[in-house]
Amino acid sequence: RVQWRRPQVEWRRRRWGPGPGGASMAGSEELGLREDTLRVLAAFLRRGEAAGSPVPTPP
């Protein structure tokens, strides 16, 4: 019985990443992003941080 459950747990970790103790984020390859797309996205995010939040905040 233990031998049957163990592969299932390993498969779940492989699919969903580490448990609550570690961060689980998909890599760029997993998301299908190309290197040039990542560069454009990074530049856009840096520009947004420098300009401040584009969402208006109520007074």
Protein backbone atom coordinates (compact mmCIF):
# COMPACT_ATOMS: atom_id res chain seq x y z
CA ARG A 1 0.00 0.00 0.00
CA VAL A 2 2.81 2.45 0.80
CA GLN A 3 4.50 1.66 -2.51
CA TRP A 4 1.28 2.52 -4.36
CA ARG A 5 0.79 5.92 -2.70
CA ARG A 6 4.38 7.12 -2.92
CA PRO A 7 4.52 7.60 -6.74
CA GLN A 8 1.26 9.55 -6.54
CA VAL A 9 2.79 12.01 -4.04
CA GLU A 10 5.92 12.38 -6.16
CA TRP A 11 3.79 13.06 -9.27
CA ARG A 12 1.80 15.71 -7.41
CA ARG A 13 4.99 17.47 -6.30
CA ARG A 14 6.37 17.41 -9.81
CA ARG A 15 3.17 18.86 -11.27
CA TRP A 16 2.32 21.49 -8.67
CA GLY A 17 5.78 22.31 -7.35
CA PRO A 18 6.91 22.33 -3.73
CA GLY A 19 4.46 22.29 -0.88
CA PRO A 20 3.54 25.20 1.41
CA GLY A 21 7.15 25.50 2.59
CA GLY A 22 8.51 26.65 -0.79
CA ALA A 23 7.53 29.04 -3.55
CA SER A 24 5.96 27.44 -6.61
CA MET A 25 6.16 29.48 -9.79
CA ALA A 26 6.11 28.36 -13.39
CA GLY A 27 9.28 29.01 -15.35
CA SER A 28 9.35 30.92 -18.62
CA GLU A 29 9.79 27.68 -20.57
CA GLU A 30 6.71 26.21 -18.90
CA LEU A 31 4.66 29.27 -19.85
CA GLY A 32 5.96 29.24 -23.41
CA LEU A 33 7.55 32.71 -23.23
CA ARG A 34 10.39 33.58 -25.56
CA GLU A 35 13.47 35.48 -24.43
CA ASP A 36 12.55 38.66 -26.35
CA THR A 37 9.06 38.60 -24.81
CA LEU A 38 10.60 38.37 -21.35
CA ARG A 39 12.88 41.34 -22.06
CA VAL A 40 9.96 43.50 -23.22
CA LEU A 41 7.90 42.48 -20.21
CA ALA A 42 10.76 43.24 -17.81
CA ALA A 43 11.30 46.68 -19.39
CA PHE A 44 7.57 47.43 -19.15
CA LEU A 45 7.47 46.46 -15.49
CA ARG A 46 10.56 48.54 -14.68
CA ARG A 47 9.03 51.55 -16.42
CA GLY A 48 5.80 51.07 -14.46
CA GLU A 49 7.68 50.97 -11.16
CA ALA A 50 9.47 54.22 -12.01
CA ALA A 51 6.25 55.99 -13.01
CA GLY A 52 4.21 54.77 -10.06
CA SER A 53 0.88 52.95 -10.07
CA PRO A 54 -1.28 53.58 -13.16
CA VAL A 55 -4.41 52.81 -11.14
CA PRO A 56 -5.99 55.95 -9.66
CA THR A 57 -6.37 55.83 -5.90
CA PRO A 58 -9.29 57.56 -4.18
CA PRO A 59 -8.43 60.55 -1.96
